[in-house]
C-alpha atoms as a PDB file:
ATOM      1  CA  ALA A   1       0.169   0.269   0.187  1.00  0.00           C
ATOM      2  CA  GLY A   2       1.298   3.653  -0.518  1.00  0.00           C
ATOM      3  CA  GLY A   3       1.897   3.125  -3.927  1.00  0.00           C
ATOM      4  CA  ILE A   4       5.056   3.892  -5.916  1.00  0.00           C
ATOM      5  CA  LYS A   5       6.709   6.709  -4.623  1.00  0.00           C
ATOM      6  CA  ALA A   6       5.989   5.406  -0.491  1.00  0.00           C
ATOM      7  CA  GLU A   7       7.683   2.161  -1.806  1.00  0.00           C
ATOM      8  CA  ALA A   8      10.631   4.300  -3.425  1.00  0.00           C
ATOM      9  CA  LYS A   9      11.262   5.922  -0.403  1.00  0.00           C
ATOM     10  CA  GLN A  10      11.295   2.773   1.971  1.00  0.00           C
ATOM     11  CA  VAL A  11      13.216   1.184  -0.581  1.00  0.00           C
ATOM     12  CA  MET A  12      15.854   4.260  -0.621  1.00  0.00           C
ATOM     13  CA  ASP A  13      15.728   4.614   3.230  1.00  0.00           C
ATOM     14  CA  ASN A  14      16.653   1.211   3.429  1.00  0.00           C
ATOM     15  CA  ILE A  15      19.509   1.060   1.319  1.00  0.00           C
ATOM     16  CA  GLY A  16      20.574   4.504   3.226  1.00  0.00           C
ATOM     17  CA  ALA A  17      20.590   2.612   6.322  1.00  0.00           C
ATOM     18  CA  ASN A  18      22.634  -0.176   4.833  1.00  0.00           C
ATOM     19  CA  LEU A  19      25.452   2.258   3.678  1.00  0.00           C
ATOM     20  CA  ALA A  20      25.729   3.865   6.977  1.00  0.00           C
ATOM     21  CA  ARG A  21      26.128   0.666   8.801  1.00  0.00           C
ATOM     22  CA  HIS A  22      28.843   0.057   6.652  1.00  0.00           C
ATOM     23  CA  GLY A  23      30.828   3.456   6.671  1.00  0.00           C
ATOM     24  CA  SER A  24      29.489   4.610   3.359  1.00  0.00           C
ATOM     25  CA  SER A  25      26.649   7.193   2.025  1.00  0.00           C
ATOM     26  CA  PHE A  26      24.610   8.121  -1.031  1.00  0.00           C
ATOM     27  CA  ASP A  27      27.597  10.251  -2.297  1.00  0.00           C
ATOM     28  CA  ARG A  28      29.705   7.368  -2.380  1.00  0.00           C
ATOM     29  CA  VAL A  29      27.072   5.257  -4.347  1.00  0.00           C
ATOM     30  CA  VAL A  30      29.026   4.346  -8.202  1.00  0.00           C
ATOM     31  CA  GLN A  31      26.057   1.958  -9.574  1.00  0.00           C
ATOM     32  CA  CYS A  32      22.555   1.684  -9.425  1.00  0.00           C
ATOM     33  CA  THR A  33      19.934  -1.581 -10.796  1.00  0.00           C
ATOM     34  CA  VAL A  34      16.481  -0.560 -10.818  1.00  0.00           C
ATOM     35  CA  ALA A  35      13.885  -3.452 -11.849  1.00  0.00           C
ATOM     36  CA  LEU A  36      10.249  -2.115 -11.836  1.00  0.00           C
ATOM     37  CA  ALA A  37       7.222  -4.102 -11.800  1.00  0.00           C
ATOM     38  CA  ASP A  38       5.545  -1.459 -14.216  1.00  0.00           C
ATOM     39  CA  ILE A  39       7.722   0.693 -16.523  1.00  0.00           C
ATOM     40  CA  ALA A  40       4.735   3.410 -16.138  1.00  0.00           C
ATOM     41  CA  ASP A  41       6.238   4.019 -12.467  1.00  0.00           C
ATOM     42  CA  TRP A  42       9.462   5.426 -13.882  1.00  0.00           C
ATOM     43  CA  PRO A  43       8.750   9.348 -13.499  1.00  0.00           C
ATOM     44  CA  ALA A  44       7.099   8.596 -10.101  1.00  0.00           C
ATOM     45  CA  PHE A  45      10.096   6.539  -8.896  1.00  0.00           C
ATOM     46  CA  ASN A  46      12.606   8.534 -10.476  1.00  0.00           C
ATOM     47  CA  GLU A  47      11.359  11.767  -8.448  1.00  0.00           C
ATOM     48  CA  VAL A  48      12.205   9.982  -5.136  1.00  0.00           C
ATOM     49  CA  TYR A  49      15.269   8.442  -6.561  1.00  0.00           C
ATOM     50  CA  ARG A  50      16.944  11.695  -7.599  1.00  0.00           C
ATOM     51  CA  GLY A  51      16.236  13.369  -4.001  1.00  0.00           C
ATOM     52  CA  TYR A  52      18.891  10.728  -2.307  1.00  0.00           C
ATOM     53  CA  PHE A  53      21.821  12.058  -4.102  1.00  0.00           C
ATOM     54  CA  SER A  54      23.281  15.565  -4.029  1.00  0.00           C
ATOM     55  CA  LYS A  55      26.897  15.202  -5.295  1.00  0.00           C
ATOM     56  CA  HIS A  56      26.781  13.304  -8.278  1.00  0.00           C
ATOM     57  CA  PHE A  57      24.260  10.593  -9.933  1.00  0.00           C
ATOM     58  CA  PRO A  58      25.641   7.118 -10.132  1.00  0.00           C
ATOM     59  CA  ALA A  59      25.355   5.105 -13.008  1.00  0.00           C
ATOM     60  CA  ARG A  60      22.069   2.866 -13.427  1.00  0.00           C
ATOM     61  CA  MET A  61      20.328   0.937 -15.106  1.00  0.00           C
ATOM     62  CA  ALA A  62      16.495   0.239 -14.967  1.00  0.00           C
ATOM     63  CA  TYR A  63      14.351  -2.452 -16.508  1.00  0.00           C
ATOM     64  CA  ALA A  64      10.466  -3.375 -16.159  1.00  0.00           C
ATOM     65  CA  THR A  65       9.760  -6.846 -15.095  1.00  0.00           C
ATOM     66  CA  GLY A  66       6.803  -8.993 -15.631  1.00  0.00           C
ATOM     67  CA  GLY A  67       6.200  -8.503 -11.661  1.00  0.00           C
ATOM     68  CA  LEU A  68       8.474  -8.701  -8.679  1.00  0.00           C
ATOM     69  CA  ALA A  69       8.553 -10.919  -5.497  1.00  0.00           C
ATOM     70  CA  LEU A  70       5.698 -10.381  -3.081  1.00  0.00           C
ATOM     71  CA  GLY A  71       3.877  -7.853  -5.119  1.00  0.00           C
ATOM     72  CA  ALA A  72       6.814  -5.248  -4.738  1.00  0.00           C
ATOM     73  CA  LYS A  73       6.366  -2.336  -7.632  1.00  0.00           C
ATOM     74  CA  VAL A  74      10.302  -1.926  -7.261  1.00  0.00           C
ATOM     75  CA  GLU A  75      13.356  -3.324  -6.386  1.00  0.00           C
ATOM     76  CA  VAL A  76      16.787  -1.286  -6.326  1.00  0.00           C
ATOM     77  CA  GLN A  77      20.306  -3.181  -6.050  1.00  0.00           C
ATOM     78  CA  CYS A  78      23.496  -0.083  -5.259  1.00  0.00           C
ATOM     79  CA  ASN A  79      27.101  -0.799  -5.160  1.00  0.00           C
ATOM     80  CA  ALA A  80      29.122   1.984  -3.084  1.00  0.00           C
ATOM     81  CA  VAL A  81      32.521   2.382  -1.776  1.00  0.00           C
ATOM     82  CA  THR A  82      33.306   1.900   1.474  1.00  0.00           C
ATOM     83  CA  GLY A  83      36.253   2.559   3.890  1.00  0.00           C
ATOM     84  CA  LYS A  84      38.726   5.543   3.704  1.00  0.00           C
END
């Protein structure tokens, strides 16, 4: 429930918490892969996603799927630099 924007925010907040646990941040993300259950959700997802990056935007690949596990609308996987 809550639609794509709420789900995107939750996913990105979860990624941010995981980055912090490993001594990193969104500023150190170098690549993300985005899977959307419905490509029509791209503009709304992108609006939320862009709000998490301030210094640069990482390389990104996005694609539509035939559906995601447990009825999810979006999955995001990011790679980031950790340490010094």
